[in-house]
Amino acid sequence: MSEARSRTTSPPGPVQPVATVRDLSIPGPAGDLPIRLYVPAHGASGVLVWFFGGGWALGSIDVSDGVCRRLAHATPCAVVAVGYRLAPEHPFPAAVEDCYAATRWVAEHGRDLGVDPARLAVGGTSAGGNLAAAVTLAALERGGPALAFQVLIYPPMDHRADTPSLRQSAGGDFFDRRSIAWCWSHYLAREADGNDPLASPLRARNVRGVPAALVVTADADPLRDEGELYAVKLAAAGVPTELVRYGGMEHGFFGLTGVLDAAAEAQAQVAAALRTAFGH
């Protein structure tokens, strides 16, 4: 959730070229909602709606620019990054409603953008992974849109989590239990709001019928166990689920392709999963 705290843009490194990058504005629950569309050079097999990380309180579309470019190119698919409203000025459920509205808009207007909304996935890192899971639950409750896949990268999944990986994090200088508590305290206007499955997807009573999932966790991440518990919950409900833990990695590693081989491997794994989900 703290990727945006340590950087305001993607890590330095070569910028992956794509055919088109367009900043657009669409109708949102509280007015205009910014999105950024990435279209790869050799056609798109589907479209991925992507939600950036930053503890629901930090970050912007720019934070995920490098990841969106690389996933668009490697899959290949179109990617739509969503500039959802941030807490604490806009606490839960503002971000969820923005992300859901953007996903529904892509489903309804994708063909106008030259993408195939019949092959639609959602995903994100950290808080963005939480929002992706929430969007799948909202789509299940509200009768759509139909989603083909979800990509959850080290997501926070329960505001009251008390897992071994959380307890083992003690006063690190980057990301620990206190950092996570800070993020939740900004996201939730009232602690009781955390009981809502759209805030804490691990609390959902029913996940049967949500799309197939790839859940990626990091071995040295306080949020590791929450993501893995959610993967187990999905699988137990009959949802095709792949869980991958990256050994020795910390929270935030996914975007660091210029630094970590594991980041490039994880992004390649996401692209391969999307290709399968899109039937490419």
Protein backbone atom coordinates (compact mmCIF):
# COMPACT_ATOMS: atom_id res chain seq x y z
CA MET A 1 0.00 0.00 0.00
CA SER A 2 2.98 2.31 0.39
CA GLU A 3 4.39 2.14 -3.13
CA ALA A 4 3.37 5.76 -3.75
CA ARG A 5 4.94 6.90 -0.48
CA SER A 6 8.44 6.16 -1.70
CA ARG A 7 8.01 7.38 -5.26
CA THR A 8 5.61 9.50 -7.26
CA THR A 9 6.25 7.88 -10.62
CA SER A 10 7.32 4.48 -11.88
CA PRO A 11 10.90 3.42 -11.08
CA PRO A 12 13.59 4.65 -13.46
CA GLY A 13 14.24 2.50 -16.49
CA PRO A 14 13.37 2.17 -20.15
CA VAL A 15 9.84 3.25 -20.98
CA GLN A 16 7.94 0.48 -22.76
CA PRO A 17 6.55 1.91 -25.99
CA VAL A 18 2.90 1.27 -26.82
CA ALA A 19 0.89 2.39 -29.82
CA THR A 20 -1.43 4.79 -27.99
CA VAL A 21 -1.66 6.46 -24.60
CA ARG A 22 -4.73 8.63 -24.08
CA ASP A 23 -5.85 10.57 -21.02
CA LEU A 24 -9.64 10.68 -20.91
CA SER A 25 -12.41 11.79 -18.58
CA ILE A 26 -15.52 9.71 -18.01
CA PRO A 27 -18.63 10.20 -15.86
CA GLY A 28 -18.05 9.08 -12.28
CA PRO A 29 -20.20 8.88 -9.16
CA ALA A 30 -19.05 12.35 -8.04
CA GLY A 31 -18.25 14.03 -11.34
CA ASP A 32 -15.55 13.58 -13.95
CA LEU A 33 -13.31 10.57 -13.39
CA PRO A 34 -9.86 10.48 -15.06
CA ILE A 35 -8.68 7.36 -16.83
CA ARG A 36 -5.65 6.59 -19.00
CA LEU A 37 -5.94 4.17 -21.92
CA TYR A 38 -2.95 2.15 -23.15
CA VAL A 39 -3.26 0.30 -26.46
CA PRO A 40 -0.41 -2.00 -27.59
CA ALA A 41 1.12 -1.88 -31.05
CA HIS A 42 -0.02 -5.29 -32.30
CA GLY A 43 -3.63 -5.42 -31.26
CA ALA A 44 -5.34 -6.18 -27.96
CA SER A 45 -6.72 -9.54 -26.85
CA GLY A 46 -8.86 -7.95 -24.14
CA VAL A 47 -8.83 -5.09 -21.68
CA LEU A 48 -7.46 -4.85 -18.14
CA VAL A 49 -8.83 -2.17 -15.81
CA TRP A 50 -6.00 -1.33 -13.42
CA PHE A 51 -6.06 0.31 -9.98
CA PHE A 52 -2.85 1.81 -8.57
CA GLY A 53 -1.56 1.28 -5.03
CA GLY A 54 -0.89 3.87 -2.38
CA GLY A 55 -2.86 2.96 0.72
CA TRP A 56 -6.06 4.47 -0.73
CA ALA A 57 -4.62 7.86 0.32
CA LEU A 58 -1.62 8.35 -1.97
CA GLY A 59 -0.69 7.86 -5.61
CA SER A 60 -2.11 8.65 -9.00
CA ILE A 61 -2.41 7.19 -12.49
CA ASP A 62 1.23 8.17 -13.04
CA VAL A 63 2.42 5.76 -10.32
CA SER A 64 1.36 2.75 -12.38
CA ASP A 65 2.40 4.05 -15.80
CA GLY A 66 5.36 1.70 -16.19
CA VAL A 67 3.42 -1.37 -15.09
CA CYS A 68 0.48 -0.53 -17.36
CA ARG A 69 2.75 -0.07 -20.37
CA ARG A 70 4.56 -3.35 -19.77
CA LEU A 71 1.39 -5.37 -19.21
CA ALA A 72 -0.25 -3.85 -22.29
CA HIS A 73 2.76 -4.80 -24.41
CA ALA A 74 3.45 -8.24 -22.92
CA THR A 75 -0.09 -9.62 -22.90
CA PRO A 76 -0.95 -7.88 -25.33
CA CYS A 77 -4.09 -6.16 -24.10
CA ALA A 78 -5.48 -2.70 -23.66
CA VAL A 79 -5.07 -1.32 -20.15
CA VAL A 80 -7.27 1.33 -18.53
CA ALA A 81 -5.76 2.95 -15.43
CA VAL A 82 -8.32 4.60 -13.14
CA GLY A 83 -7.69 7.83 -11.22
CA TYR A 84 -10.02 7.08 -8.33
CA ARG A 85 -10.67 9.52 -5.47
CA LEU A 86 -8.31 9.36 -2.51
CA ALA A 87 -8.86 9.25 1.23
CA PRO A 88 -9.13 10.82 3.74
CA GLU A 89 -10.92 13.54 1.79
CA HIS A 90 -12.92 10.82 0.05
CA PRO A 91 -13.13 7.83 2.40
CA PHE A 92 -14.61 4.41 1.71
CA PRO A 93 -16.63 3.66 -0.37
CA ALA A 94 -15.59 6.47 -2.75
CA ALA A 95 -12.64 4.61 -4.28
CA VAL A 96 -14.65 1.40 -4.71
CA GLU A 97 -17.52 3.24 -6.40
CA ASP A 98 -15.12 5.07 -8.74
CA CYS A 99 -13.38 1.83 -9.69
CA TYR A 100 -16.65 0.01 -10.21
CA ALA A 101 -18.06 2.88 -12.29
CA ALA A 102 -14.94 2.91 -14.49
CA THR A 103 -15.11 -0.85 -14.97
CA ARG A 104 -18.78 -0.70 -15.94
CA TRP A 105 -18.06 2.22 -18.29
CA VAL A 106 -15.33 0.22 -20.06
CA ALA A 107 -17.74 -2.70 -20.40
CA GLU A 108 -20.35 -0.42 -21.96
CA HIS A 109 -18.11 1.80 -24.10
CA GLY A 110 -15.04 -0.33 -24.81
CA ARG A 111 -15.87 -0.82 -28.46
CA ASP A 112 -15.89 2.96 -28.92
CA LEU A 113 -12.25 2.86 -27.73
CA GLY A 114 -11.35 -0.01 -30.02
CA VAL A 115 -11.08 -2.62 -27.26
CA ASP A 116 -13.07 -5.80 -26.65
CA PRO A 117 -15.21 -5.34 -23.52
CA ALA A 118 -16.35 -8.98 -23.71
CA ARG A 119 -12.88 -9.93 -22.43
CA LEU A 120 -12.59 -7.73 -19.37
CA ALA A 121 -10.31 -8.14 -16.35
CA VAL A 122 -9.53 -6.05 -13.28
CA GLY A 123 -6.35 -5.85 -11.27
CA GLY A 124 -4.09 -3.79 -9.09
CA THR A 125 -1.26 -3.68 -6.61
CA SER A 126 -1.69 -3.36 -2.85
CA ALA A 127 -4.66 -1.05 -2.16
CA GLY A 128 -5.39 -1.39 -5.87
CA GLY A 129 -5.57 -5.15 -5.42
CA ASN A 130 -8.07 -4.63 -2.61
CA LEU A 131 -10.13 -2.43 -4.95
CA ALA A 132 -9.97 -5.00 -7.73
CA ALA A 133 -11.35 -7.67 -5.40
CA ALA A 134 -14.03 -5.24 -4.22
CA VAL A 135 -15.06 -4.50 -7.81
CA THR A 136 -15.55 -8.22 -8.48
CA LEU A 137 -17.77 -8.48 -5.39
CA ALA A 138 -19.74 -5.40 -6.42
CA ALA A 139 -20.20 -6.80 -9.93
CA LEU A 140 -21.46 -10.05 -8.42
CA GLU A 141 -23.95 -8.20 -6.20
CA ARG A 142 -25.11 -5.75 -8.85
CA GLY A 143 -25.48 -8.06 -11.80
CA GLY A 144 -22.44 -7.07 -13.80
CA PRO A 145 -20.41 -6.26 -15.66
CA ALA A 146 -19.18 -9.72 -16.59
CA LEU A 147 -15.52 -10.12 -15.68
CA ALA A 148 -13.10 -12.70 -17.05
CA PHE A 149 -10.27 -12.43 -14.52
CA GLN A 150 -8.86 -10.65 -11.47
CA VAL A 151 -5.21 -9.92 -10.69
CA LEU A 152 -4.52 -9.27 -7.01
CA ILE A 153 -0.97 -8.22 -6.18
CA TYR A 154 -0.19 -8.31 -2.40
CA PRO A 155 -3.62 -6.91 -1.45
CA PRO A 156 -4.78 -5.83 2.03
CA MET A 157 -7.98 -7.79 2.62
CA ASP A 158 -9.21 -7.28 6.19
CA HIS A 159 -9.03 -4.14 8.34
CA ARG A 160 -8.93 -6.30 11.48
CA ALA A 161 -6.40 -8.81 10.24
CA ASP A 162 -4.11 -10.28 12.88
CA THR A 163 -2.04 -12.72 10.89
CA PRO A 164 1.44 -14.14 11.52
CA SER A 165 2.92 -12.04 8.72
CA LEU A 166 1.48 -8.88 10.32
CA ARG A 167 2.69 -9.81 13.79
CA GLN A 168 6.17 -10.54 12.47
CA SER A 169 6.51 -7.02 11.04
CA ALA A 170 8.04 -4.87 13.71
CA GLY A 171 9.05 -1.27 13.22
CA GLY A 172 10.63 -1.47 9.80
CA ASP A 173 11.65 1.77 8.12
CA PHE A 174 9.56 1.11 4.99
CA PHE A 175 6.38 -0.84 5.54
CA ASP A 176 5.10 -2.52 8.68
CA ARG A 177 1.99 -3.04 10.79
CA ARG A 178 1.92 0.64 11.78
CA SER A 179 2.04 1.70 8.13
CA ILE A 180 -0.91 -0.55 7.36
CA ALA A 181 -2.90 0.81 10.32
CA TRP A 182 -2.21 4.35 9.07
CA CYS A 183 -3.62 3.45 5.65
CA TRP A 184 -6.77 1.88 7.06
CA SER A 185 -7.31 4.82 9.43
CA HIS A 186 -7.31 7.20 6.46
CA TYR A 187 -9.47 4.98 4.26
CA LEU A 188 -12.25 4.28 6.76
CA ALA A 189 -14.28 7.20 8.08
CA ARG A 190 -15.66 4.83 10.74
CA GLU A 191 -14.03 1.63 11.92
CA ALA A 192 -17.36 -0.16 11.46
CA ASP A 193 -17.09 0.50 7.71
CA GLY A 194 -14.27 -2.02 7.65
CA ASN A 195 -16.78 -4.80 8.22
CA ASP A 196 -18.22 -4.19 4.77
CA PRO A 197 -16.85 -6.82 2.33
CA LEU A 198 -16.27 -4.04 -0.22
CA ALA A 199 -13.67 -2.68 2.23
CA SER A 200 -12.51 -6.03 3.63
CA PRO A 201 -13.10 -8.69 0.97
CA LEU A 202 -11.99 -11.47 3.34
CA ARG A 203 -15.24 -10.79 5.21
CA ALA A 204 -17.42 -11.58 2.19
CA ARG A 205 -19.90 -14.36 2.93
CA ASN A 206 -20.12 -15.44 -0.69
CA VAL A 207 -17.41 -15.27 -3.35
CA ARG A 208 -18.84 -18.02 -5.53
CA GLY A 209 -19.22 -16.62 -9.02
CA VAL A 210 -16.43 -14.04 -8.97
CA PRO A 211 -13.91 -14.37 -11.81
CA ALA A 212 -10.86 -16.60 -11.81
CA ALA A 213 -7.92 -15.08 -9.98
CA LEU A 214 -4.17 -14.78 -9.87
CA VAL A 215 -3.00 -13.78 -6.39
CA VAL A 216 0.63 -12.73 -6.00
CA THR A 217 2.18 -12.31 -2.56
CA ALA A 218 5.65 -11.43 -1.28
CA ASP A 219 7.37 -13.55 1.34
CA ALA A 220 8.60 -10.63 3.48
CA ASP A 221 5.38 -8.61 3.29
CA PRO A 222 3.14 -7.98 6.32
CA LEU A 223 0.15 -8.38 3.97
CA ARG A 224 1.29 -11.79 2.71
CA ASP A 225 -1.13 -13.89 4.75
CA GLU A 226 -4.21 -11.79 3.91
CA GLY A 227 -3.71 -12.30 0.20
CA GLU A 228 -3.09 -16.01 0.68
CA LEU A 229 -6.15 -16.44 2.90
CA TYR A 230 -8.27 -14.80 0.21
CA ALA A 231 -6.84 -17.14 -2.42
CA VAL A 232 -7.81 -20.09 -0.21
CA LYS A 233 -11.29 -18.61 0.24
CA LEU A 234 -11.74 -18.26 -3.53
CA ALA A 235 -10.52 -21.78 -4.22
CA ALA A 236 -12.80 -23.22 -1.52
CA ALA A 237 -15.74 -21.55 -3.28
CA GLY A 238 -14.83 -23.20 -6.58
CA VAL A 239 -13.20 -20.14 -8.14
CA PRO A 240 -10.19 -21.12 -10.30
CA THR A 241 -7.34 -19.52 -8.38
CA GLU A 242 -3.57 -19.47 -8.77
CA LEU A 243 -1.53 -18.33 -5.78
CA VAL A 244 2.14 -17.47 -6.16
CA ARG A 245 4.43 -16.31 -3.36
CA TYR A 246 7.72 -14.66 -4.34
CA GLY A 247 10.43 -15.69 -1.89
CA GLY A 248 12.57 -13.00 -0.32
CA MET A 249 10.52 -10.17 -1.81
CA GLU A 250 9.05 -7.23 0.09
CA HIS A 251 5.89 -5.23 -0.42
CA GLY A 252 6.13 -3.04 -3.52
CA PHE A 253 8.47 -5.29 -5.49
CA PHE A 254 6.12 -5.80 -8.44
CA GLY A 255 6.87 -2.50 -10.15
CA LEU A 256 10.66 -2.64 -9.78
CA THR A 257 11.52 -4.33 -13.06
CA GLY A 258 14.60 -2.14 -13.49
CA VAL A 259 15.96 -3.45 -10.18
CA LEU A 260 14.57 -6.92 -9.45
CA ASP A 261 14.43 -9.99 -11.68
CA ALA A 262 11.47 -11.18 -9.60
CA ALA A 263 9.48 -8.11 -10.66
CA ALA A 264 9.99 -8.91 -14.34
CA GLU A 265 9.09 -12.55 -13.65
CA ALA A 266 5.91 -11.57 -11.80
CA GLN A 267 4.82 -9.20 -14.54
CA ALA A 268 5.45 -11.88 -17.16
CA GLN A 269 3.35 -14.27 -15.08
CA VAL A 270 0.48 -11.77 -14.94
CA ALA A 271 0.65 -11.27 -18.71
CA ALA A 272 0.58 -15.05 -19.29
CA ALA A 273 -2.43 -15.44 -16.99
CA LEU A 274 -4.25 -12.64 -18.82
CA ARG A 275 -3.52 -14.26 -22.18
CA THR A 276 -5.10 -17.47 -20.92
CA ALA A 277 -8.09 -15.64 -19.45
CA PHE A 278 -8.66 -13.74 -22.68
CA GLY A 279 -8.36 -16.91 -24.74
CA HIS A 280 -5.42 -15.51 -26.68
